[in-house]
Amino acid sequence: MKGKIADGEARDRLIIWIRRRMEEFGISIEALSASIEHDKAHPPLYRDARGHEWNGLGDMPDWLLAARNAGVNPDFFRIETAPDVITPSEIQSATTQLIDRRQLDLFDAA
């Protein structure tokens, strides 16, 4: 394995690098934890093809503002929200709608 970094070593190096950047920018563990909790409480509502996201709080970001100024409706970038809970009857209904009954005989054992 000469010249290659083992997974454990790569992980350790990454942790050291992250800790140094946190120290460099004055980011505490508490601030990082609070930011993660905030992101969980305010998931993104808009996303573009490049992965830019916006949760609808604060000023509209440049990427979405530029799209709107170009005539694109911001709702085009709106993320579809999935229902929190899917009931078994909803699963059955969706499955039934996807089945083409004309092709069922193709899968019957002869």
PDB file of N, CA and C in Angstrom:
ATOM      1  N   MET A   1       0.810  -1.197   0.000  1.00  0.00           N
ATOM      2  CA  MET A   1       0.000   0.000   0.000  1.00  0.00           C
ATOM      3  C   MET A   1       0.852   1.259   0.000  1.00  0.00           C
ATOM      4  N   LYS A   2       2.011   1.187  -0.567  1.00  0.00           N
ATOM      5  CA  LYS A   2       2.875   2.355  -0.581  1.00  0.00           C
ATOM      6  C   LYS A   2       2.234   3.457  -1.418  1.00  0.00           C
ATOM      7  N   GLY A   3       2.170   4.667  -0.860  1.00  0.00           N
ATOM      8  CA  GLY A   3       1.610   5.796  -1.579  1.00  0.00           C
ATOM      9  C   GLY A   3       0.106   5.943  -1.432  1.00  0.00           C
ATOM     10  N   LYS A   4      -0.540   4.975  -0.815  1.00  0.00           N
ATOM     11  CA  LYS A   4      -1.983   5.065  -0.619  1.00  0.00           C
ATOM     12  C   LYS A   4      -2.285   5.364   0.840  1.00  0.00           C
ATOM     13  N   ILE A   5      -3.383   6.079   1.055  1.00  0.00           N
ATOM     14  CA  ILE A   5      -3.801   6.413   2.414  1.00  0.00           C
ATOM     15  C   ILE A   5      -4.900   5.451   2.820  1.00  0.00           C
ATOM     16  N   ALA A   6      -4.743   4.819   3.967  1.00  0.00           N
ATOM     17  CA  ALA A   6      -5.774   3.923   4.473  1.00  0.00           C
ATOM     18  C   ALA A   6      -6.993   4.746   4.874  1.00  0.00           C
ATOM     19  N   ASP A   7      -8.180   4.132   4.820  1.00  0.00           N
ATOM     20  CA  ASP A   7      -9.417   4.839   5.136  1.00  0.00           C
ATOM     21  C   ASP A   7      -9.375   5.499   6.508  1.00  0.00           C
ATOM     22  N   GLY A   8      -8.879   4.790   7.498  1.00  0.00           N
ATOM     23  CA  GLY A   8      -8.799   5.338   8.853  1.00  0.00           C
ATOM     24  C   GLY A   8      -7.909   6.556   8.917  1.00  0.00           C
ATOM     25  N   GLU A   9      -6.800   6.495   8.204  1.00  0.00           N
ATOM     26  CA  GLU A   9      -5.873   7.619   8.186  1.00  0.00           C
ATOM     27  C   GLU A   9      -6.496   8.810   7.459  1.00  0.00           C
ATOM     28  N   ALA A  10      -7.197   8.566   6.371  1.00  0.00           N
ATOM     29  CA  ALA A  10      -7.858   9.643   5.639  1.00  0.00           C
ATOM     30  C   ALA A  10      -8.913  10.315   6.514  1.00  0.00           C
ATOM     31  N   ARG A  11      -9.646   9.506   7.269  1.00  0.00           N
ATOM     32  CA  ARG A  11     -10.663  10.041   8.170  1.00  0.00           C
ATOM     33  C   ARG A  11     -10.016  10.918   9.232  1.00  0.00           C
ATOM     34  N   ASP A  12      -8.921  10.442   9.825  1.00  0.00           N
ATOM     35  CA  ASP A  12      -8.226  11.206  10.855  1.00  0.00           C
ATOM     36  C   ASP A  12      -7.699  12.530  10.301  1.00  0.00           C
ATOM     37  N   ARG A  13      -7.148  12.488   9.100  1.00  0.00           N
ATOM     38  CA  ARG A  13      -6.644  13.719   8.472  1.00  0.00           C
ATOM     39  C   ARG A  13      -7.780  14.702   8.199  1.00  0.00           C
ATOM     40  N   LEU A  14      -8.919  14.188   7.782  1.00  0.00           N
ATOM     41  CA  LEU A  14     -10.067  15.051   7.514  1.00  0.00           C
ATOM     42  C   LEU A  14     -10.565  15.703   8.801  1.00  0.00           C
ATOM     43  N   ILE A  15     -10.622  14.947   9.874  1.00  0.00           N
ATOM     44  CA  ILE A  15     -11.060  15.492  11.161  1.00  0.00           C
ATOM     45  C   ILE A  15     -10.112  16.601  11.610  1.00  0.00           C
ATOM     46  N   ILE A  16      -8.825  16.380  11.478  1.00  0.00           N
ATOM     47  CA  ILE A  16      -7.839  17.395  11.846  1.00  0.00           C
ATOM     48  C   ILE A  16      -8.041  18.649  10.993  1.00  0.00           C
ATOM     49  N   TRP A  17      -8.251  18.462   9.690  1.00  0.00           N
ATOM     50  CA  TRP A  17      -8.444  19.598   8.791  1.00  0.00           C
ATOM     51  C   TRP A  17      -9.697  20.382   9.172  1.00  0.00           C
ATOM     52  N   ILE A  18     -10.795  19.681   9.469  1.00  0.00           N
ATOM     53  CA  ILE A  18     -12.047  20.348   9.849  1.00  0.00           C
ATOM     54  C   ILE A  18     -11.856  21.116  11.154  1.00  0.00           C
ATOM     55  N   ARG A  19     -11.209  20.504  12.127  1.00  0.00           N
ATOM     56  CA  ARG A  19     -10.981  21.188  13.409  1.00  0.00           C
ATOM     57  C   ARG A  19     -10.143  22.448  13.217  1.00  0.00           C
ATOM     58  N   ARG A  20      -9.132  22.377  12.369  1.00  0.00           N
ATOM     59  CA  ARG A  20      -8.303  23.568  12.113  1.00  0.00           C
ATOM     60  C   ARG A  20      -9.114  24.672  11.437  1.00  0.00           C
ATOM     61  N   ARG A  21      -9.972  24.312  10.465  1.00  0.00           N
ATOM     62  CA  ARG A  21     -10.809  25.326   9.803  1.00  0.00           C
ATOM     63  C   ARG A  21     -11.806  25.938  10.793  1.00  0.00           C
ATOM     64  N   MET A  22     -12.372  25.089  11.670  1.00  0.00           N
ATOM     65  CA  MET A  22     -13.299  25.604  12.674  1.00  0.00           C
ATOM     66  C   MET A  22     -12.594  26.597  13.592  1.00  0.00           C
ATOM     67  N   GLU A  23     -11.377  26.254  14.004  1.00  0.00           N
ATOM     68  CA  GLU A  23     -10.606  27.159  14.856  1.00  0.00           C
ATOM     69  C   GLU A  23     -10.250  28.445  14.095  1.00  0.00           C
ATOM     70  N   GLU A  24      -9.855  28.295  12.844  1.00  0.00           N
ATOM     71  CA  GLU A  24      -9.479  29.440  12.014  1.00  0.00           C
ATOM     72  C   GLU A  24     -10.629  30.428  11.864  1.00  0.00           C
ATOM     73  N   PHE A  25     -11.858  29.916  11.704  1.00  0.00           N
ATOM     74  CA  PHE A  25     -13.008  30.778  11.494  1.00  0.00           C
ATOM     75  C   PHE A  25     -13.815  31.024  12.765  1.00  0.00           C
ATOM     76  N   GLY A  26     -13.345  30.521  13.890  1.00  0.00           N
ATOM     77  CA  GLY A  26     -14.011  30.771  15.158  1.00  0.00           C
ATOM     78  C   GLY A  26     -15.344  30.061  15.304  1.00  0.00           C
ATOM     79  N   ILE A  27     -15.436  28.866  14.779  1.00  0.00           N
ATOM     80  CA  ILE A  27     -16.683  28.101  14.853  1.00  0.00           C
ATOM     81  C   ILE A  27     -16.575  27.109  16.002  1.00  0.00           C
ATOM     82  N   SER A  28     -17.488  27.221  16.950  1.00  0.00           N
ATOM     83  CA  SER A  28     -17.486  26.297  18.089  1.00  0.00           C
ATOM     84  C   SER A  28     -18.376  25.097  17.775  1.00  0.00           C
ATOM     85  N   ILE A  29     -18.196  24.042  18.550  1.00  0.00           N
ATOM     86  CA  ILE A  29     -19.039  22.853  18.416  1.00  0.00           C
ATOM     87  C   ILE A  29     -20.497  23.231  18.668  1.00  0.00           C
ATOM     88  N   GLU A  30     -20.723  24.106  19.653  1.00  0.00           N
ATOM     89  CA  GLU A  30     -22.079  24.535  19.984  1.00  0.00           C
ATOM     90  C   GLU A  30     -22.719  25.286  18.808  1.00  0.00           C
ATOM     91  N   ALA A  31     -21.947  26.159  18.163  1.00  0.00           N
ATOM     92  CA  ALA A  31     -22.467  26.910  17.018  1.00  0.00           C
ATOM     93  C   ALA A  31     -22.774  25.971  15.854  1.00  0.00           C
ATOM     94  N   LEU A  32     -21.910  24.983  15.649  1.00  0.00           N
ATOM     95  CA  LEU A  32     -22.128  24.006  14.589  1.00  0.00           C
ATOM     96  C   LEU A  32     -23.390  23.198  14.868  1.00  0.00           C
ATOM     97  N   SER A  33     -23.557  22.773  16.114  1.00  0.00           N
ATOM     98  CA  SER A  33     -24.738  22.015  16.504  1.00  0.00           C
ATOM     99  C   SER A  33     -26.011  22.847  16.332  1.00  0.00           C
ATOM    100  N   ALA A  34     -25.964  24.110  16.738  1.00  0.00           N
ATOM    101  CA  ALA A  34     -27.127  24.996  16.587  1.00  0.00           C
ATOM    102  C   ALA A  34     -27.476  25.198  15.119  1.00  0.00           C
ATOM    103  N   SER A  35     -26.458  25.305  14.270  1.00  0.00           N
ATOM    104  CA  SER A  35     -26.687  25.475  12.831  1.00  0.00           C
ATOM    105  C   SER A  35     -27.349  24.241  12.238  1.00  0.00           C
ATOM    106  N   ILE A  36     -26.909  23.075  12.660  1.00  0.00           N
ATOM    107  CA  ILE A  36     -27.496  21.821  12.160  1.00  0.00           C
ATOM    108  C   ILE A  36     -28.952  21.727  12.589  1.00  0.00           C
ATOM    109  N   GLU A  37     -29.248  22.076  13.847  1.00  0.00           N
ATOM    110  CA  GLU A  37     -30.631  22.046  14.340  1.00  0.00           C
ATOM    111  C   GLU A  37     -31.498  23.038  13.575  1.00  0.00           C
ATOM    112  N   HIS A  38     -30.952  24.224  13.281  1.00  0.00           N
ATOM    113  CA  HIS A  38     -31.696  25.232  12.516  1.00  0.00           C
ATOM    114  C   HIS A  38     -32.018  24.702  11.119  1.00  0.00           C
ATOM    115  N   ASP A  39     -31.035  24.062  10.489  1.00  0.00           N
ATOM    116  CA  ASP A  39     -31.253  23.510   9.150  1.00  0.00           C
ATOM    117  C   ASP A  39     -32.313  22.410   9.162  1.00  0.00           C
ATOM    118  N   LYS A  40     -32.335  21.610  10.220  1.00  0.00           N
ATOM    119  CA  LYS A  40     -33.354  20.566  10.327  1.00  0.00           C
ATOM    120  C   LYS A  40     -34.745  21.176  10.481  1.00  0.00           C
ATOM    121  N   ALA A  41     -34.831  22.276  11.240  1.00  0.00           N
ATOM    122  CA  ALA A  41     -36.121  22.928  11.484  1.00  0.00           C
ATOM    123  C   ALA A  41     -36.598  23.732  10.283  1.00  0.00           C
ATOM    124  N   HIS A  42     -35.677  24.116   9.392  1.00  0.00           N
ATOM    125  CA  HIS A  42     -36.014  24.939   8.227  1.00  0.00           C
ATOM    126  C   HIS A  42     -35.431  24.310   6.963  1.00  0.00           C
ATOM    127  N   PRO A  43     -36.026  23.217   6.490  1.00  0.00           N
ATOM    128  CA  PRO A  43     -35.479  22.546   5.298  1.00  0.00           C
ATOM    129  C   PRO A  43     -35.611  23.441   4.067  1.00  0.00           C
ATOM    130  N   PRO A  44     -34.804  23.191   3.058  1.00  0.00           N
ATOM    131  CA  PRO A  44     -34.862  24.026   1.850  1.00  0.00           C
ATOM    132  C   PRO A  44     -36.198  23.886   1.131  1.00  0.00           C
ATOM    133  N   LEU A  45     -36.654  25.010   0.577  1.00  0.00           N
ATOM    134  CA  LEU A  45     -37.895  25.035  -0.191  1.00  0.00           C
ATOM    135  C   LEU A  45     -37.628  25.128  -1.690  1.00  0.00           C
ATOM    136  N   TYR A  46     -36.447  25.634  -2.047  1.00  0.00           N
ATOM    137  CA  TYR A  46     -36.093  25.837  -3.451  1.00  0.00           C
ATOM    138  C   TYR A  46     -34.715  25.235  -3.704  1.00  0.00           C
ATOM    139  N   ARG A  47     -34.523  24.671  -4.916  1.00  0.00           N
ATOM    140  CA  ARG A  47     -33.230  24.095  -5.287  1.00  0.00           C
ATOM    141  C   ARG A  47     -33.070  24.214  -6.794  1.00  0.00           C
ATOM    142  N   ASP A  48     -31.865  24.592  -7.233  1.00  0.00           N
ATOM    143  CA  ASP A  48     -31.611  24.640  -8.671  1.00  0.00           C
ATOM    144  C   ASP A  48     -30.809  23.414  -9.088  1.00  0.00           C
ATOM    145  N   ALA A  49     -30.505  23.329 -10.369  1.00  0.00           N
ATOM    146  CA  ALA A  49     -29.820  22.149 -10.913  1.00  0.00           C
ATOM    147  C   ALA A  49     -28.398  22.009 -10.381  1.00  0.00           C
ATOM    148  N   ARG A  50     -27.827  23.085  -9.906  1.00  0.00           N
ATOM    149  CA  ARG A  50     -26.461  23.033  -9.375  1.00  0.00           C
ATOM    150  C   ARG A  50     -26.417  22.716  -7.890  1.00  0.00           C
ATOM    151  N   GLY A  51     -27.578  22.542  -7.281  1.00  0.00           N
ATOM    152  CA  GLY A  51     -27.628  22.191  -5.876  1.00  0.00           C
ATOM    153  C   GLY A  51     -27.736  23.367  -4.927  1.00  0.00           C
ATOM    154  N   HIS A  52     -27.839  24.591  -5.468  1.00  0.00           N
ATOM    155  CA  HIS A  52     -28.051  25.740  -4.590  1.00  0.00           C
ATOM    156  C   HIS A  52     -29.422  25.610  -3.957  1.00  0.00           C
ATOM    157  N   GLU A  53     -29.514  25.904  -2.663  1.00  0.00           N
ATOM    158  CA  GLU A  53     -30.777  25.770  -1.957  1.00  0.00           C
ATOM    159  C   GLU A  53     -31.106  27.042  -1.198  1.00  0.00           C
ATOM    160  N   TRP A  54     -32.409  27.220  -0.952  1.00  0.00           N
ATOM    161  CA  TRP A  54     -32.881  28.339  -0.152  1.00  0.00           C
ATOM    162  C   TRP A  54     -34.098  27.884   0.618  1.00  0.00           C
ATOM    163  N   ASN A  55     -34.137  28.219   1.904  1.00  0.00           N
ATOM    164  CA  ASN A  55     -35.247  27.795   2.743  1.00  0.00           C
ATOM    165  C   ASN A  55     -36.356  28.835   2.842  1.00  0.00           C
ATOM    166  N   GLY A  56     -36.258  29.916   2.103  1.00  0.00           N
ATOM    167  CA  GLY A  56     -37.295  30.934   2.103  1.00  0.00           C
ATOM    168  C   GLY A  56     -37.103  31.996   3.163  1.00  0.00           C
ATOM    169  N   LEU A  57     -36.103  31.842   4.016  1.00  0.00           N
ATOM    170  CA  LEU A  57     -35.837  32.835   5.050  1.00  0.00           C
ATOM    171  C   LEU A  57     -34.815  33.844   4.552  1.00  0.00           C
ATOM    172  N   GLY A  58     -35.005  35.087   4.914  1.00  0.00           N
ATOM    173  CA  GLY A  58     -34.053  36.123   4.522  1.00  0.00           C
ATOM    174  C   GLY A  58     -34.238  36.548   3.072  1.00  0.00           C
ATOM    175  N   ASP A  59     -33.250  37.277   2.569  1.00  0.00           N
ATOM    176  CA  ASP A  59     -33.310  37.767   1.195  1.00  0.00           C
ATOM    177  C   ASP A  59     -33.204  36.619   0.201  1.00  0.00           C
ATOM    178  N   MET A  60     -33.858  36.791  -0.939  1.00  0.00           N
ATOM    179  CA  MET A  60     -33.786  35.789  -2.007  1.00  0.00           C
ATOM    180  C   MET A  60     -32.339  35.722  -2.511  1.00  0.00           C
ATOM    181  N   PRO A  61     -31.788  34.527  -2.637  1.00  0.00           N
ATOM    182  CA  PRO A  61     -30.391  34.407  -3.089  1.00  0.00           C
ATOM    183  C   PRO A  61     -30.227  34.848  -4.542  1.00  0.00           C
ATOM    184  N   ASP A  62     -28.985  35.177  -4.881  1.00  0.00           N
ATOM    185  CA  ASP A  62     -28.684  35.690  -6.221  1.00  0.00           C
ATOM    186  C   ASP A  62     -29.135  34.747  -7.330  1.00  0.00           C
ATOM    187  N   TRP A  63     -28.913  33.434  -7.166  1.00  0.00           N
ATOM    188  CA  TRP A  63     -29.254  32.484  -8.228  1.00  0.00           C
ATOM    189  C   TRP A  63     -30.750  32.481  -8.506  1.00  0.00           C
ATOM    190  N   LEU A  64     -31.570  32.606  -7.465  1.00  0.00           N
ATOM    191  CA  LEU A  64     -33.014  32.602  -7.654  1.00  0.00           C
ATOM    192  C   LEU A  64     -33.497  33.963  -8.138  1.00  0.00           C
ATOM    193  N   LEU A  65     -32.880  35.020  -7.660  1.00  0.00           N
ATOM    194  CA  LEU A  65     -33.212  36.369  -8.102  1.00  0.00           C
ATOM    195  C   LEU A  65     -32.897  36.540  -9.591  1.00  0.00           C
ATOM    196  N   ALA A  66     -31.755  36.008 -10.027  1.00  0.00           N
ATOM    197  CA  ALA A  66     -31.376  36.086 -11.445  1.00  0.00           C
ATOM    198  C   ALA A  66     -32.366  35.320 -12.312  1.00  0.00           C
ATOM    199  N   ALA A  67     -32.787  34.157 -11.841  1.00  0.00           N
ATOM    200  CA  ALA A  67     -33.774  33.370 -12.600  1.00  0.00           C
ATOM    201  C   ALA A  67     -35.098  34.121 -12.692  1.00  0.00           C
ATOM    202  N   ARG A  68     -35.526  34.708 -11.583  1.00  0.00           N
ATOM    203  CA  ARG A  68     -36.785  35.458 -11.591  1.00  0.00           C
ATOM    204  C   ARG A  68     -36.695  36.661 -12.532  1.00  0.00           C
ATOM    205  N   ASN A  69     -35.549  37.353 -12.499  1.00  0.00           N
ATOM    206  CA  ASN A  69     -35.367  38.510 -13.392  1.00  0.00           C
ATOM    207  C   ASN A  69     -35.305  38.097 -14.858  1.00  0.00           C
ATOM    208  N   ALA A  70     -34.958  36.838 -15.116  1.00  0.00           N
ATOM    209  CA  ALA A  70     -34.919  36.321 -16.488  1.00  0.00           C
ATOM    210  C   ALA A  70     -36.292  35.819 -16.925  1.00  0.00           C
ATOM    211  N   GLY A  71     -37.287  35.944 -16.049  1.00  0.00           N
ATOM    212  CA  GLY A  71     -38.643  35.557 -16.411  1.00  0.00           C
ATOM    213  C   GLY A  71     -39.068  34.176 -15.955  1.00  0.00           C
ATOM    214  N   VAL A  72     -38.232  33.516 -15.158  1.00  0.00           N
ATOM    215  CA  VAL A  72     -38.564  32.179 -14.666  1.00  0.00           C
ATOM    216  C   VAL A  72     -39.317  32.330 -13.342  1.00  0.00           C
ATOM    217  N   ASN A  73     -40.440  31.665 -13.239  1.00  0.00           N
ATOM    218  CA  ASN A  73     -41.215  31.687 -12.015  1.00  0.00           C
ATOM    219  C   ASN A  73     -40.431  30.936 -10.932  1.00  0.00           C
ATOM    220  N   PRO A  74     -40.206  31.565  -9.765  1.00  0.00           N
ATOM    221  CA  PRO A  74     -39.464  30.881  -8.697  1.00  0.00           C
ATOM    222  C   PRO A  74     -40.082  29.540  -8.291  1.00  0.00           C
ATOM    223  N   ASP A  75     -41.382  29.364  -8.499  1.00  0.00           N
ATOM    224  CA  ASP A  75     -42.006  28.084  -8.162  1.00  0.00           C
ATOM    225  C   ASP A  75     -41.469  26.932  -8.998  1.00  0.00           C
ATOM    226  N   PHE A  76     -40.825  27.248 -10.125  1.00  0.00           N
ATOM    227  CA  PHE A  76     -40.193  26.219 -10.944  1.00  0.00           C
ATOM    228  C   PHE A  76     -39.127  25.476 -10.129  1.00  0.00           C
ATOM    229  N   PHE A  77     -38.486  26.198  -9.202  1.00  0.00           N
ATOM    230  CA  PHE A  77     -37.409  25.632  -8.391  1.00  0.00           C
ATOM    231  C   PHE A  77     -37.910  25.080  -7.060  1.00  0.00           C
ATOM    232  N   ARG A  78     -39.201  25.167  -6.822  1.00  0.00           N
ATOM    233  CA  ARG A  78     -39.758  24.716  -5.537  1.00  0.00           C
ATOM    234  C   ARG A  78     -39.614  23.199  -5.413  1.00  0.00           C
ATOM    235  N   ILE A  79     -39.182  22.768  -4.248  1.00  0.00           N
ATOM    236  CA  ILE A  79     -38.979  21.354  -3.979  1.00  0.00           C
ATOM    237  C   ILE A  79     -40.319  20.756  -3.585  1.00  0.00           C
ATOM    238  N   GLU A  80     -40.669  19.657  -4.228  1.00  0.00           N
ATOM    239  CA  GLU A  80     -41.893  18.953  -3.879  1.00  0.00           C
ATOM    240  C   GLU A  80     -41.695  18.327  -2.508  1.00  0.00           C
ATOM    241  N   THR A  81     -42.642  18.535  -1.630  1.00  0.00           N
ATOM    242  CA  THR A  81     -42.538  17.939  -0.307  1.00  0.00           C
ATOM    243  C   THR A  81     -43.294  16.629  -0.290  1.00  0.00           C
ATOM    244  N   ALA A  82     -42.670  15.640   0.277  1.00  0.00           N
ATOM    245  CA  ALA A  82     -43.294  14.321   0.404  1.00  0.00           C
ATOM    246  C   ALA A  82     -44.130  14.312   1.675  1.00  0.00           C
ATOM    247  N   PRO A  83     -45.212  13.576   1.690  1.00  0.00           N
ATOM    248  CA  PRO A  83     -45.991  13.488   2.922  1.00  0.00           C
ATOM    249  C   PRO A  83     -45.166  12.839   4.027  1.00  0.00           C
ATOM    250  N   ASP A  84     -45.410  13.262   5.249  1.00  0.00           N
ATOM    251  CA  ASP A  84     -44.654  12.732   6.391  1.00  0.00           C
ATOM    252  C   ASP A  84     -44.918  11.248   6.602  1.00  0.00           C
ATOM    253  N   VAL A  85     -46.174  10.844   6.449  1.00  0.00           N
ATOM    254  CA  VAL A  85     -46.544   9.458   6.692  1.00  0.00           C
ATOM    255  C   VAL A  85     -47.360   8.951   5.510  1.00  0.00           C
ATOM    256  N   ILE A  86     -46.991   7.792   5.006  1.00  0.00           N
ATOM    257  CA  ILE A  86     -47.745   7.171   3.916  1.00  0.00           C
ATOM    258  C   ILE A  86     -48.460   5.965   4.502  1.00  0.00           C
ATOM    259  N   THR A  87     -49.762   5.967   4.348  1.00  0.00           N
ATOM    260  CA  THR A  87     -50.546   4.875   4.905  1.00  0.00           C
ATOM    261  C   THR A  87     -50.500   3.674   3.968  1.00  0.00           C
ATOM    262  N   PRO A  88     -50.754   2.476   4.491  1.00  0.00           N
ATOM    263  CA  PRO A  88     -50.780   1.282   3.644  1.00  0.00           C
ATOM    264  C   PRO A  88     -51.801   1.381   2.515  1.00  0.00           C
ATOM    265  N   SER A  89     -52.933   2.023   2.760  1.00  0.00           N
ATOM    266  CA  SER A  89     -53.937   2.157   1.698  1.00  0.00           C
ATOM    267  C   SER A  89     -53.433   3.066   0.576  1.00  0.00           C
ATOM    268  N   GLU A  90     -52.624   4.087   0.925  1.00  0.00           N
ATOM    269  CA  GLU A  90     -52.046   4.955  -0.100  1.00  0.00           C
ATOM    270  C   GLU A  90     -51.026   4.183  -0.939  1.00  0.00           C
ATOM    271  N   ILE A  91     -50.258   3.316  -0.289  1.00  0.00           N
ATOM    272  CA  ILE A  91     -49.295   2.486  -1.018  1.00  0.00           C
ATOM    273  C   ILE A  91     -50.031   1.544  -1.961  1.00  0.00           C
ATOM    274  N   GLN A  92     -51.075   0.905  -1.470  1.00  0.00           N
ATOM    275  CA  GLN A  92     -51.867  -0.017  -2.292  1.00  0.00           C
ATOM    276  C   GLN A  92     -52.482   0.711  -3.475  1.00  0.00           C
ATOM    277  N   SER A  93     -53.018   1.903  -3.236  1.00  0.00           N
ATOM    278  CA  SER A  93     -53.638   2.677  -4.298  1.00  0.00           C
ATOM    279  C   SER A  93     -52.613   3.052  -5.373  1.00  0.00           C
ATOM    280  N   ALA A  94     -51.437   3.498  -4.938  1.00  0.00           N
ATOM    281  CA  ALA A  94     -50.391   3.875  -5.888  1.00  0.00           C
ATOM    282  C   ALA A  94     -49.909   2.672  -6.676  1.00  0.00           C
ATOM    283  N   THR A  95     -49.756   1.535  -6.018  1.00  0.00           N
ATOM    284  CA  THR A  95     -49.301   0.315  -6.680  1.00  0.00           C
ATOM    285  C   THR A  95     -50.333  -0.153  -7.703  1.00  0.00           C
ATOM    286  N   THR A  96     -51.583  -0.091  -7.340  1.00  0.00           N
ATOM    287  CA  THR A  96     -52.656  -0.533  -8.234  1.00  0.00           C
ATOM    288  C   THR A  96     -52.691   0.329  -9.494  1.00  0.00           C
ATOM    289  N   GLN A  97     -52.446   1.619  -9.337  1.00  0.00           N
ATOM    290  CA  GLN A  97     -52.478   2.523 -10.485  1.00  0.00           C
ATOM    291  C   GLN A  97     -51.321   2.264 -11.442  1.00  0.00           C
ATOM    292  N   LEU A  98     -50.210   1.710 -10.960  1.00  0.00           N
ATOM    293  CA  LEU A  98     -49.037   1.487 -11.796  1.00  0.00           C
ATOM    294  C   LEU A  98     -49.110   0.183 -12.588  1.00  0.00           C
ATOM    295  N   ILE A  99     -50.000  -0.707 -12.204  1.00  0.00           N
ATOM    296  CA  ILE A  99     -50.081  -2.019 -12.850  1.00  0.00           C
ATOM    297  C   ILE A  99     -50.934  -1.922 -14.114  1.00  0.00           C
ATOM    298  N   ASP A 100     -50.378  -2.372 -15.209  1.00  0.00           N
ATOM    299  CA  ASP A 100     -51.130  -2.466 -16.458  1.00  0.00           C
ATOM    300  C   ASP A 100     -51.685  -3.886 -16.525  1.00  0.00           C
ATOM    301  N   ARG A 101     -52.956  -4.005 -16.278  1.00  0.00           N
ATOM    302  CA  ARG A 101     -53.595  -5.321 -16.176  1.00  0.00           C
ATOM    303  C   ARG A 101     -53.470  -6.139 -17.472  1.00  0.00           C
ATOM    304  N   ARG A 102     -53.269  -5.475 -18.598  1.00  0.00           N
ATOM    305  CA  ARG A 102     -53.144  -6.194 -19.870  1.00  0.00           C
ATOM    306  C   ARG A 102     -51.873  -7.047 -19.912  1.00  0.00           C
ATOM    307  N   GLN A 103     -50.892  -6.700 -19.059  1.00  0.00           N
ATOM    308  CA  GLN A 103     -49.622  -7.409 -19.100  1.00  0.00           C
ATOM    309  C   GLN A 103     -49.474  -8.453 -17.999  1.00  0.00           C
ATOM    310  N   LEU A 104     -50.516  -8.630 -17.189  1.00  0.00           N
ATOM    311  CA  LEU A 104     -50.407  -9.583 -16.099  1.00  0.00           C
ATOM    312  C   LEU A 104     -50.166 -11.010 -16.596  1.00  0.00           C
ATOM    313  N   ASP A 105     -50.733 -11.374 -17.747  1.00  0.00           N
ATOM    314  CA  ASP A 105     -50.564 -12.734 -18.249  1.00  0.00           C
ATOM    315  C   ASP A 105     -49.128 -13.017 -18.668  1.00  0.00           C
ATOM    316  N   LEU A 106     -48.332 -11.988 -18.888  1.00  0.00           N
ATOM    317  CA  LEU A 106     -46.940 -12.179 -19.262  1.00  0.00           C
ATOM    318  C   LEU A 106     -46.121 -12.775 -18.120  1.00  0.00           C
ATOM    319  N   PHE A 107     -46.595 -12.578 -16.896  1.00  0.00           N
ATOM    320  CA  PHE A 107     -45.846 -13.024 -15.728  1.00  0.00           C
ATOM    321  C   PHE A 107     -46.419 -14.255 -15.083  1.00  0.00           C
ATOM    322  N   ASP A 108     -47.493 -14.781 -15.601  1.00  0.00           N
ATOM    323  CA  ASP A 108     -48.085 -16.013 -15.060  1.00  0.00           C
ATOM    324  C   ASP A 108     -47.185 -17.183 -15.415  1.00  0.00           C
ATOM    325  N   ALA A 109     -47.035 -18.068 -14.466  1.00  0.00           N
ATOM    326  CA  ALA A 109     -46.246 -19.282 -14.737  1.00  0.00           C
ATOM    327  C   ALA A 109     -47.037 -20.213 -15.643  1.00  0.00           C
ATOM    328  N   ALA A 110     -46.383 -20.755 -16.621  1.00  0.00           N
ATOM    329  CA  ALA A 110     -47.078 -21.624 -17.569  1.00  0.00           C
ATOM    330  C   ALA A 110     -47.130 -23.034 -17.089  1.00  0.00           C
TER     331      ALA A 110
END
